[in-house]
Amino acid sequence: MAAMMIYVGNLDYGTTSEELRALFEPFGAVAMAEVQVKARTGQSRGFGLVDMPQKSEAEAAIAALNNRDYKDRALTVNESRPRRTVRDLYAGGGWFGGGHGG
């Protein structure tokens, strides 16, 4: 069972995690829905993450909600990919390694 983490951007700063969950539940099971907040202030950072256990349901939600107006803002909804850092590129040997000599 391939779960999918979904990134939801351009959220109204008043949107709660409960509202975020309610937005996705019509499409299927939601394991987690969380508006990201600043640690110090508790203020919304304007985006959230939604974890849906069923990939097909997650894809349907993304298709339906991306660019949809919610509280007068067009949402950005897509599959959340792990953040890649420069260190990952070095660690993966993408540039320097791998013996390309001839």
PDB file of N, CA and C in Angstrom:
ATOM      1  N   MET A   1       0.847  -1.200   0.000  1.00  0.00           N
ATOM      2  CA  MET A   1       0.000   0.000   0.000  1.00  0.00           C
ATOM      3  C   MET A   1       0.876   1.242   0.000  1.00  0.00           C
ATOM      4  N   ALA A   2       0.805   1.997  -1.084  1.00  0.00           N
ATOM      5  CA  ALA A   2       1.676   3.159  -1.225  1.00  0.00           C
ATOM      6  C   ALA A   2       0.964   4.423  -0.760  1.00  0.00           C
ATOM      7  N   ALA A   3       1.333   4.896   0.397  1.00  0.00           N
ATOM      8  CA  ALA A   3       0.764   6.152   0.883  1.00  0.00           C
ATOM      9  C   ALA A   3       1.374   7.304   0.101  1.00  0.00           C
ATOM     10  N   MET A   4       0.688   8.430   0.075  1.00  0.00           N
ATOM     11  CA  MET A   4       1.231   9.599  -0.601  1.00  0.00           C
ATOM     12  C   MET A   4       1.129  10.819   0.299  1.00  0.00           C
ATOM     13  N   MET A   5       2.235  11.542   0.411  1.00  0.00           N
ATOM     14  CA  MET A   5       2.256  12.797   1.145  1.00  0.00           C
ATOM     15  C   MET A   5       1.982  13.907   0.132  1.00  0.00           C
ATOM     16  N   ILE A   6       1.022  14.762   0.459  1.00  0.00           N
ATOM     17  CA  ILE A   6       0.600  15.816  -0.452  1.00  0.00           C
ATOM     18  C   ILE A   6       0.950  17.181   0.135  1.00  0.00           C
ATOM     19  N   TYR A   7       1.567  18.014  -0.694  1.00  0.00           N
ATOM     20  CA  TYR A   7       1.884  19.390  -0.311  1.00  0.00           C
ATOM     21  C   TYR A   7       0.719  20.284  -0.733  1.00  0.00           C
ATOM     22  N   VAL A   8       0.256  21.129   0.193  1.00  0.00           N
ATOM     23  CA  VAL A   8      -0.825  22.065  -0.107  1.00  0.00           C
ATOM     24  C   VAL A   8      -0.321  23.473   0.194  1.00  0.00           C
ATOM     25  N   GLY A   9      -0.112  24.254  -0.851  1.00  0.00           N
ATOM     26  CA  GLY A   9       0.446  25.596  -0.679  1.00  0.00           C
ATOM     27  C   GLY A   9      -0.562  26.694  -0.955  1.00  0.00           C
ATOM     28  N   ASN A  10      -0.173  27.933  -0.645  1.00  0.00           N
ATOM     29  CA  ASN A  10      -0.984  29.134  -0.813  1.00  0.00           C
ATOM     30  C   ASN A  10      -2.249  29.093   0.043  1.00  0.00           C
ATOM     31  N   LEU A  11      -2.133  28.488   1.231  1.00  0.00           N
ATOM     32  CA  LEU A  11      -3.275  28.441   2.149  1.00  0.00           C
ATOM     33  C   LEU A  11      -3.502  29.802   2.792  1.00  0.00           C
ATOM     34  N   ASP A  12      -4.762  30.122   3.019  1.00  0.00           N
ATOM     35  CA  ASP A  12      -5.108  31.288   3.813  1.00  0.00           C
ATOM     36  C   ASP A  12      -4.522  31.082   5.213  1.00  0.00           C
ATOM     37  N   TYR A  13      -3.967  32.132   5.792  1.00  0.00           N
ATOM     38  CA  TYR A  13      -3.303  31.987   7.099  1.00  0.00           C
ATOM     39  C   TYR A  13      -4.253  31.606   8.228  1.00  0.00           C
ATOM     40  N   GLY A  14      -5.557  31.742   7.981  1.00  0.00           N
ATOM     41  CA  GLY A  14      -6.524  31.362   9.005  1.00  0.00           C
ATOM     42  C   GLY A  14      -6.953  29.901   8.926  1.00  0.00           C
ATOM     43  N   THR A  15      -6.492  29.196   7.889  1.00  0.00           N
ATOM     44  CA  THR A  15      -6.905  27.799   7.699  1.00  0.00           C
ATOM     45  C   THR A  15      -6.322  26.903   8.788  1.00  0.00           C
ATOM     46  N   THR A  16      -7.173  26.059   9.367  1.00  0.00           N
ATOM     47  CA  THR A  16      -6.722  25.147  10.422  1.00  0.00           C
ATOM     48  C   THR A  16      -6.451  23.763   9.841  1.00  0.00           C
ATOM     49  N   SER A  17      -5.777  22.928  10.618  1.00  0.00           N
ATOM     50  CA  SER A  17      -5.515  21.552  10.199  1.00  0.00           C
ATOM     51  C   SER A  17      -6.824  20.797   9.984  1.00  0.00           C
ATOM     52  N   GLU A  18      -7.845  21.097  10.819  1.00  0.00           N
ATOM     53  CA  GLU A  18      -9.140  20.440  10.671  1.00  0.00           C
ATOM     54  C   GLU A  18      -9.787  20.802   9.334  1.00  0.00           C
ATOM     55  N   GLU A  19      -9.683  22.066   8.937  1.00  0.00           N
ATOM     56  CA  GLU A  19     -10.245  22.495   7.655  1.00  0.00           C
ATOM     57  C   GLU A  19      -9.493  21.843   6.497  1.00  0.00           C
ATOM     58  N   LEU A  20      -8.192  21.712   6.664  1.00  0.00           N
ATOM     59  CA  LEU A  20      -7.376  21.072   5.638  1.00  0.00           C
ATOM     60  C   LEU A  20      -7.810  19.616   5.458  1.00  0.00           C
ATOM     61  N   ARG A  21      -8.011  18.934   6.568  1.00  0.00           N
ATOM     62  CA  ARG A  21      -8.472  17.539   6.524  1.00  0.00           C
ATOM     63  C   ARG A  21      -9.834  17.451   5.823  1.00  0.00           C
ATOM     64  N   ALA A  22     -10.740  18.358   6.169  1.00  0.00           N
ATOM     65  CA  ALA A  22     -12.083  18.347   5.605  1.00  0.00           C
ATOM     66  C   ALA A  22     -12.066  18.560   4.088  1.00  0.00           C
ATOM     67  N   LEU A  23     -11.061  19.278   3.611  1.00  0.00           N
ATOM     68  CA  LEU A  23     -10.920  19.542   2.186  1.00  0.00           C
ATOM     69  C   LEU A  23     -10.586  18.259   1.424  1.00  0.00           C
ATOM     70  N   PHE A  24      -9.830  17.367   2.060  1.00  0.00           N
ATOM     71  CA  PHE A  24      -9.354  16.149   1.396  1.00  0.00           C
ATOM     72  C   PHE A  24     -10.226  14.920   1.654  1.00  0.00           C
ATOM     73  N   GLU A  25     -10.965  14.913   2.756  1.00  0.00           N
ATOM     74  CA  GLU A  25     -11.734  13.717   3.110  1.00  0.00           C
ATOM     75  C   GLU A  25     -12.767  13.272   2.070  1.00  0.00           C
ATOM     76  N   PRO A  26     -13.368  14.185   1.292  1.00  0.00           N
ATOM     77  CA  PRO A  26     -14.310  13.693   0.273  1.00  0.00           C
ATOM     78  C   PRO A  26     -13.652  12.739  -0.730  1.00  0.00           C
ATOM     79  N   PHE A  27     -12.322  12.792  -0.855  1.00  0.00           N
ATOM     80  CA  PHE A  27     -11.630  11.978  -1.856  1.00  0.00           C
ATOM     81  C   PHE A  27     -11.177  10.629  -1.306  1.00  0.00           C
ATOM     82  N   GLY A  28     -11.140  10.490   0.014  1.00  0.00           N
ATOM     83  CA  GLY A  28     -10.721   9.220   0.584  1.00  0.00           C
ATOM     84  C   GLY A  28     -10.179   9.387   1.992  1.00  0.00           C
ATOM     85  N   ALA A  29      -9.557   8.325   2.484  1.00  0.00           N
ATOM     86  CA  ALA A  29      -9.032   8.324   3.848  1.00  0.00           C
ATOM     87  C   ALA A  29      -7.858   9.292   3.982  1.00  0.00           C
ATOM     88  N   VAL A  30      -7.855  10.043   5.082  1.00  0.00           N
ATOM     89  CA  VAL A  30      -6.767  10.969   5.374  1.00  0.00           C
ATOM     90  C   VAL A  30      -6.103  10.516   6.669  1.00  0.00           C
ATOM     91  N   ALA A  31      -4.840  10.104   6.581  1.00  0.00           N
ATOM     92  CA  ALA A  31      -4.130   9.635   7.774  1.00  0.00           C
ATOM     93  C   ALA A  31      -3.684  10.816   8.632  1.00  0.00           C
ATOM     94  N   MET A  32      -3.314  11.923   7.965  1.00  0.00           N
ATOM     95  CA  MET A  32      -2.805  13.087   8.689  1.00  0.00           C
ATOM     96  C   MET A  32      -3.022  14.313   7.823  1.00  0.00           C
ATOM     97  N   ALA A  33      -3.433  15.403   8.447  1.00  0.00           N
ATOM     98  CA  ALA A  33      -3.537  16.687   7.744  1.00  0.00           C
ATOM     99  C   ALA A  33      -3.048  17.747   8.719  1.00  0.00           C
ATOM    100  N   GLU A  34      -2.021  18.471   8.325  1.00  0.00           N
ATOM    101  CA  GLU A  34      -1.402  19.397   9.262  1.00  0.00           C
ATOM    102  C   GLU A  34      -0.958  20.683   8.574  1.00  0.00           C
ATOM    103  N   VAL A  35      -1.509  21.807   9.021  1.00  0.00           N
ATOM    104  CA  VAL A  35      -1.031  23.100   8.554  1.00  0.00           C
ATOM    105  C   VAL A  35       0.301  23.351   9.261  1.00  0.00           C
ATOM    106  N   GLN A  36       1.315  23.706   8.496  1.00  0.00           N
ATOM    107  CA  GLN A  36       2.639  23.948   9.077  1.00  0.00           C
ATOM    108  C   GLN A  36       2.677  25.332   9.722  1.00  0.00           C
ATOM    109  N   VAL A  37       3.185  25.399  10.947  1.00  0.00           N
ATOM    110  CA  VAL A  37       3.242  26.672  11.665  1.00  0.00           C
ATOM    111  C   VAL A  37       4.673  26.984  12.084  1.00  0.00           C
ATOM    112  N   LYS A  38       4.927  28.262  12.272  1.00  0.00           N
ATOM    113  CA  LYS A  38       6.245  28.682  12.755  1.00  0.00           C
ATOM    114  C   LYS A  38       6.387  28.267  14.206  1.00  0.00           C
ATOM    115  N   ALA A  39       7.495  27.638  14.527  1.00  0.00           N
ATOM    116  CA  ALA A  39       7.693  27.093  15.871  1.00  0.00           C
ATOM    117  C   ALA A  39       7.608  28.171  16.948  1.00  0.00           C
ATOM    118  N   ARG A  40       8.216  29.334  16.696  1.00  0.00           N
ATOM    119  CA  ARG A  40       8.262  30.364  17.732  1.00  0.00           C
ATOM    120  C   ARG A  40       6.920  31.038  17.957  1.00  0.00           C
ATOM    121  N   THR A  41       6.226  31.345  16.860  1.00  0.00           N
ATOM    122  CA  THR A  41       5.024  32.172  16.977  1.00  0.00           C
ATOM    123  C   THR A  41       3.725  31.384  16.883  1.00  0.00           C
ATOM    124  N   GLY A  42       3.782  30.166  16.325  1.00  0.00           N
ATOM    125  CA  GLY A  42       2.564  29.405  16.134  1.00  0.00           C
ATOM    126  C   GLY A  42       1.730  29.911  14.977  1.00  0.00           C
ATOM    127  N   GLN A  43       2.259  30.869  14.214  1.00  0.00           N
ATOM    128  CA  GLN A  43       1.532  31.430  13.084  1.00  0.00           C
ATOM    129  C   GLN A  43       1.670  30.495  11.874  1.00  0.00           C
ATOM    130  N   SER A  44       0.614  30.401  11.084  1.00  0.00           N
ATOM    131  CA  SER A  44       0.628  29.556   9.896  1.00  0.00           C
ATOM    132  C   SER A  44       1.724  30.003   8.939  1.00  0.00           C
ATOM    133  N   ARG A  45       2.346  29.017   8.283  1.00  0.00           N
ATOM    134  CA  ARG A  45       3.356  29.329   7.278  1.00  0.00           C
ATOM    135  C   ARG A  45       2.739  29.341   5.880  1.00  0.00           C
ATOM    136  N   GLY A  46       1.415  29.153   5.811  1.00  0.00           N
ATOM    137  CA  GLY A  46       0.739  29.254   4.524  1.00  0.00           C
ATOM    138  C   GLY A  46       0.769  27.977   3.693  1.00  0.00           C
ATOM    139  N   PHE A  47       1.205  26.875   4.299  1.00  0.00           N
ATOM    140  CA  PHE A  47       1.125  25.613   3.581  1.00  0.00           C
ATOM    141  C   PHE A  47       0.909  24.481   4.560  1.00  0.00           C
ATOM    142  N   GLY A  48       0.492  23.344   4.026  1.00  0.00           N
ATOM    143  CA  GLY A  48       0.248  22.196   4.880  1.00  0.00           C
ATOM    144  C   GLY A  48       0.622  20.911   4.186  1.00  0.00           C
ATOM    145  N   LEU A  49       0.593  19.830   4.945  1.00  0.00           N
ATOM    146  CA  LEU A  49       0.879  18.509   4.407  1.00  0.00           C
ATOM    147  C   LEU A  49      -0.282  17.581   4.735  1.00  0.00           C
ATOM    148  N   VAL A  50      -0.665  16.772   3.773  1.00  0.00           N
ATOM    149  CA  VAL A  50      -1.749  15.818   3.955  1.00  0.00           C
ATOM    150  C   VAL A  50      -1.217  14.445   3.568  1.00  0.00           C
ATOM    151  N   ASP A  51      -1.429  13.461   4.431  1.00  0.00           N
ATOM    152  CA  ASP A  51      -0.974  12.102   4.174  1.00  0.00           C
ATOM    153  C   ASP A  51      -2.190  11.235   3.876  1.00  0.00           C
ATOM    154  N   MET A  52      -2.263  10.709   2.659  1.00  0.00           N
ATOM    155  CA  MET A  52      -3.370   9.844   2.264  1.00  0.00           C
ATOM    156  C   MET A  52      -2.846   8.432   1.986  1.00  0.00           C
ATOM    157  N   PRO A  53      -3.388   7.416   2.675  1.00  0.00           N
ATOM    158  CA  PRO A  53      -2.882   6.047   2.542  1.00  0.00           C
ATOM    159  C   PRO A  53      -3.047   5.450   1.147  1.00  0.00           C
ATOM    160  N   GLN A  54      -4.085   5.850   0.412  1.00  0.00           N
ATOM    161  CA  GLN A  54      -4.331   5.272  -0.908  1.00  0.00           C
ATOM    162  C   GLN A  54      -3.855   6.218  -2.000  1.00  0.00           C
ATOM    163  N   LYS A  55      -2.879   5.764  -2.790  1.00  0.00           N
ATOM    164  CA  LYS A  55      -2.307   6.608  -3.827  1.00  0.00           C
ATOM    165  C   LYS A  55      -3.345   7.081  -4.844  1.00  0.00           C
ATOM    166  N   SER A  56      -4.277   6.195  -5.232  1.00  0.00           N
ATOM    167  CA  SER A  56      -5.284   6.576  -6.231  1.00  0.00           C
ATOM    168  C   SER A  56      -6.187   7.693  -5.708  1.00  0.00           C
ATOM    169  N   GLU A  57      -6.549   7.613  -4.421  1.00  0.00           N
ATOM    170  CA  GLU A  57      -7.378   8.662  -3.818  1.00  0.00           C
ATOM    171  C   GLU A  57      -6.600   9.967  -3.725  1.00  0.00           C
ATOM    172  N   ALA A  58      -5.318   9.853  -3.370  1.00  0.00           N
ATOM    173  CA  ALA A  58      -4.471  11.042  -3.272  1.00  0.00           C
ATOM    174  C   ALA A  58      -4.363  11.729  -4.624  1.00  0.00           C
ATOM    175  N   GLU A  59      -4.186  10.935  -5.683  1.00  0.00           N
ATOM    176  CA  GLU A  59      -4.069  11.510  -7.024  1.00  0.00           C
ATOM    177  C   GLU A  59      -5.363  12.193  -7.454  1.00  0.00           C
ATOM    178  N   ALA A  60      -6.498  11.608  -7.066  1.00  0.00           N
ATOM    179  CA  ALA A  60      -7.789  12.218  -7.380  1.00  0.00           C
ATOM    180  C   ALA A  60      -7.942  13.552  -6.651  1.00  0.00           C
ATOM    181  N   ALA A  61      -7.508  13.588  -5.390  1.00  0.00           N
ATOM    182  CA  ALA A  61      -7.593  14.818  -4.604  1.00  0.00           C
ATOM    183  C   ALA A  61      -6.708  15.905  -5.205  1.00  0.00           C
ATOM    184  N   ILE A  62      -5.486  15.531  -5.612  1.00  0.00           N
ATOM    185  CA  ILE A  62      -4.569  16.494  -6.226  1.00  0.00           C
ATOM    186  C   ILE A  62      -5.178  17.062  -7.502  1.00  0.00           C
ATOM    187  N   ALA A  63      -5.723  16.176  -8.338  1.00  0.00           N
ATOM    188  CA  ALA A  63      -6.311  16.609  -9.610  1.00  0.00           C
ATOM    189  C   ALA A  63      -7.475  17.571  -9.386  1.00  0.00           C
ATOM    190  N   ALA A  64      -8.287  17.280  -8.363  1.00  0.00           N
ATOM    191  CA  ALA A  64      -9.475  18.092  -8.116  1.00  0.00           C
ATOM    192  C   ALA A  64      -9.160  19.410  -7.410  1.00  0.00           C
ATOM    193  N   LEU A  65      -8.150  19.402  -6.536  1.00  0.00           N
ATOM    194  CA  LEU A  65      -7.918  20.574  -5.685  1.00  0.00           C
ATOM    195  C   LEU A  65      -6.828  21.520  -6.182  1.00  0.00           C
ATOM    196  N   ASN A  66      -5.927  21.061  -7.034  1.00  0.00           N
ATOM    197  CA  ASN A  66      -4.861  21.948  -7.503  1.00  0.00           C
ATOM    198  C   ASN A  66      -5.461  23.107  -8.291  1.00  0.00           C
ATOM    199  N   ASN A  67      -5.054  24.323  -7.954  1.00  0.00           N
ATOM    200  CA  ASN A  67      -5.545  25.574  -8.559  1.00  0.00           C
ATOM    201  C   ASN A  67      -6.998  25.888  -8.210  1.00  0.00           C
ATOM    202  N   ARG A  68      -7.606  25.113  -7.296  1.00  0.00           N
ATOM    203  CA  ARG A  68      -8.976  25.411  -6.898  1.00  0.00           C
ATOM    204  C   ARG A  68      -8.986  26.565  -5.908  1.00  0.00           C
ATOM    205  N   ASP A  69      -9.952  27.447  -6.024  1.00  0.00           N
ATOM    206  CA  ASP A  69     -10.065  28.557  -5.083  1.00  0.00           C
ATOM    207  C   ASP A  69     -10.560  28.063  -3.740  1.00  0.00           C
ATOM    208  N   TYR A  70      -9.851  28.441  -2.695  1.00  0.00           N
ATOM    209  CA  TYR A  70     -10.258  28.128  -1.335  1.00  0.00           C
ATOM    210  C   TYR A  70      -9.974  29.369  -0.497  1.00  0.00           C
ATOM    211  N   LYS A  71     -11.006  29.940   0.084  1.00  0.00           N
ATOM    212  CA  LYS A  71     -10.878  31.204   0.825  1.00  0.00           C
ATOM    213  C   LYS A  71     -10.189  32.274  -0.033  1.00  0.00           C
ATOM    214  N   ASP A  72     -10.650  32.404  -1.274  1.00  0.00           N
ATOM    215  CA  ASP A  72     -10.163  33.414  -2.220  1.00  0.00           C
ATOM    216  C   ASP A  72      -8.693  33.261  -2.611  1.00  0.00           C
ATOM    217  N   ARG A  73      -8.139  32.065  -2.463  1.00  0.00           N
ATOM    218  CA  ARG A  73      -6.757  31.837  -2.904  1.00  0.00           C
ATOM    219  C   ARG A  73      -6.708  30.566  -3.730  1.00  0.00           C
ATOM    220  N   ALA A  74      -5.964  30.593  -4.828  1.00  0.00           N
ATOM    221  CA  ALA A  74      -5.821  29.393  -5.659  1.00  0.00           C
ATOM    222  C   ALA A  74      -4.798  28.471  -5.002  1.00  0.00           C
ATOM    223  N   LEU A  75      -5.243  27.288  -4.627  1.00  0.00           N
ATOM    224  CA  LEU A  75      -4.360  26.352  -3.932  1.00  0.00           C
ATOM    225  C   LEU A  75      -3.315  25.752  -4.868  1.00  0.00           C
ATOM    226  N   THR A  76      -2.141  25.467  -4.314  1.00  0.00           N
ATOM    227  CA  THR A  76      -1.119  24.699  -5.011  1.00  0.00           C
ATOM    228  C   THR A  76      -1.105  23.327  -4.345  1.00  0.00           C
ATOM    229  N   VAL A  77      -1.502  22.306  -5.080  1.00  0.00           N
ATOM    230  CA  VAL A  77      -1.589  20.963  -4.501  1.00  0.00           C
ATOM    231  C   VAL A  77      -0.801  20.002  -5.376  1.00  0.00           C
ATOM    232  N   ASN A  78       0.202  19.348  -4.795  1.00  0.00           N
ATOM    233  CA  ASN A  78       0.957  18.363  -5.553  1.00  0.00           C
ATOM    234  C   ASN A  78       1.606  17.349  -4.628  1.00  0.00           C
ATOM    235  N   GLU A  79       2.186  16.329  -5.222  1.00  0.00           N
ATOM    236  CA  GLU A  79       2.838  15.308  -4.416  1.00  0.00           C
ATOM    237  C   GLU A  79       4.060  15.927  -3.766  1.00  0.00           C
ATOM    238  N   SER A  80       4.167  15.751  -2.447  1.00  0.00           N
ATOM    239  CA  SER A  80       5.301  16.302  -1.727  1.00  0.00           C
ATOM    240  C   SER A  80       6.477  15.350  -1.874  1.00  0.00           C
ATOM    241  N   ARG A  81       7.592  15.871  -2.376  1.00  0.00           N
ATOM    242  CA  ARG A  81       8.784  15.040  -2.492  1.00  0.00           C
ATOM    243  C   ARG A  81       9.744  15.417  -1.389  1.00  0.00           C
ATOM    244  N   PRO A  82      10.517  14.451  -0.921  1.00  0.00           N
ATOM    245  CA  PRO A  82      11.485  14.777   0.134  1.00  0.00           C
ATOM    246  C   PRO A  82      12.414  15.879  -0.366  1.00  0.00           C
ATOM    247  N   ARG A  83      12.739  16.795   0.503  1.00  0.00           N
ATOM    248  CA  ARG A  83      13.607  17.895   0.124  1.00  0.00           C
ATOM    249  C   ARG A  83      14.998  17.368  -0.177  1.00  0.00           C
ATOM    250  N   ARG A  84      15.545  17.731  -1.310  1.00  0.00           N
ATOM    251  CA  ARG A  84      16.904  17.300  -1.654  1.00  0.00           C
ATOM    252  C   ARG A  84      17.874  18.426  -1.335  1.00  0.00           C
ATOM    253  N   THR A  85      19.014  18.041  -0.803  1.00  0.00           N
ATOM    254  CA  THR A  85      20.019  19.047  -0.477  1.00  0.00           C
ATOM    255  C   THR A  85      21.247  18.784  -1.330  1.00  0.00           C
ATOM    256  N   VAL A  86      22.155  19.733  -1.337  1.00  0.00           N
ATOM    257  CA  VAL A  86      23.407  19.560  -2.068  1.00  0.00           C
ATOM    258  C   VAL A  86      24.133  18.328  -1.543  1.00  0.00           C
ATOM    259  N   ARG A  87      24.037  18.107  -0.221  1.00  0.00           N
ATOM    260  CA  ARG A  87      24.709  16.960   0.380  1.00  0.00           C
ATOM    261  C   ARG A  87      24.206  15.653  -0.241  1.00  0.00           C
ATOM    262  N   ASP A  88      22.901  15.575  -0.531  1.00  0.00           N
ATOM    263  CA  ASP A  88      22.359  14.369  -1.159  1.00  0.00           C
ATOM    264  C   ASP A  88      23.032  14.095  -2.505  1.00  0.00           C
ATOM    265  N   LEU A  89      23.281  15.164  -3.253  1.00  0.00           N
ATOM    266  CA  LEU A  89      23.903  14.983  -4.564  1.00  0.00           C
ATOM    267  C   LEU A  89      25.301  14.397  -4.422  1.00  0.00           C
ATOM    268  N   TYR A  90      26.056  14.905  -3.435  1.00  0.00           N
ATOM    269  CA  TYR A  90      27.393  14.362  -3.210  1.00  0.00           C
ATOM    270  C   TYR A  90      27.301  12.925  -2.711  1.00  0.00           C
ATOM    271  N   ALA A  91      26.407  12.683  -1.759  1.00  0.00           N
ATOM    272  CA  ALA A  91      26.285  11.359  -1.149  1.00  0.00           C
ATOM    273  C   ALA A  91      25.879  10.319  -2.190  1.00  0.00           C
ATOM    274  N   GLY A  92      25.072  10.734  -3.144  1.00  0.00           N
ATOM    275  CA  GLY A  92      24.612   9.809  -4.163  1.00  0.00           C
ATOM    276  C   GLY A  92      25.662   9.583  -5.242  1.00  0.00           C
ATOM    277  N   GLY A  93      26.790  10.271  -5.154  1.00  0.00           N
ATOM    278  CA  GLY A  93      27.842  10.097  -6.144  1.00  0.00           C
ATOM    279  C   GLY A  93      27.428  10.596  -7.517  1.00  0.00           C
ATOM    280  N   GLY A  94      26.435  11.485  -7.540  1.00  0.00           N
ATOM    281  CA  GLY A  94      25.926  11.953  -8.830  1.00  0.00           C
ATOM    282  C   GLY A  94      26.967  12.667  -9.668  1.00  0.00           C
ATOM    283  N   TRP A  95      27.870  13.388  -9.040  1.00  0.00           N
ATOM    284  CA  TRP A  95      28.811  14.175  -9.827  1.00  0.00           C
ATOM    285  C   TRP A  95      30.194  13.599  -9.857  1.00  0.00           C
ATOM    286  N   PHE A  96      30.610  13.077  -8.708  1.00  0.00           N
ATOM    287  CA  PHE A  96      32.023  12.670  -8.607  1.00  0.00           C
ATOM    288  C   PHE A  96      32.168  11.212  -8.455  1.00  0.00           C
ATOM    289  N   GLY A  97      32.038  10.324  -8.797  1.00  0.00           N
ATOM    290  CA  GLY A  97      32.152   8.926  -8.440  1.00  0.00           C
ATOM    291  C   GLY A  97      31.636   8.141  -9.574  1.00  0.00           C
ATOM    292  N   GLY A  98      31.654   6.858  -9.432  1.00  0.00           N
ATOM    293  CA  GLY A  98      31.016   6.028 -10.429  1.00  0.00           C
ATOM    294  C   GLY A  98      31.933   5.579 -11.551  1.00  0.00           C
ATOM    295  N   GLY A  99      33.269   5.882 -11.502  1.00  0.00           N
ATOM    296  CA  GLY A  99      34.235   5.380 -12.473  1.00  0.00           C
ATOM    297  C   GLY A  99      33.797   5.471 -13.925  1.00  0.00           C
ATOM    298  N   HIS A 100      33.843   6.691 -14.473  1.00  0.00           N
ATOM    299  CA  HIS A 100      33.418   6.847 -15.870  1.00  0.00           C
ATOM    300  C   HIS A 100      34.581   6.657 -16.838  1.00  0.00           C
ATOM    301  N   GLY A 101      35.758   6.344 -16.333  1.00  0.00           N
ATOM    302  CA  GLY A 101      36.958   6.274 -17.187  1.00  0.00           C
ATOM    303  C   GLY A 101      36.823   5.258 -18.301  1.00  0.00           C
ATOM    304  N   GLY A 102      37.687   5.414 -19.356  1.00  0.00           N
ATOM    305  CA  GLY A 102      37.538   4.525 -20.490  1.00  0.00           C
ATOM    306  C   GLY A 102      38.733   3.767 -20.789  1.00  0.00           C
TER     307      GLY A 102
END
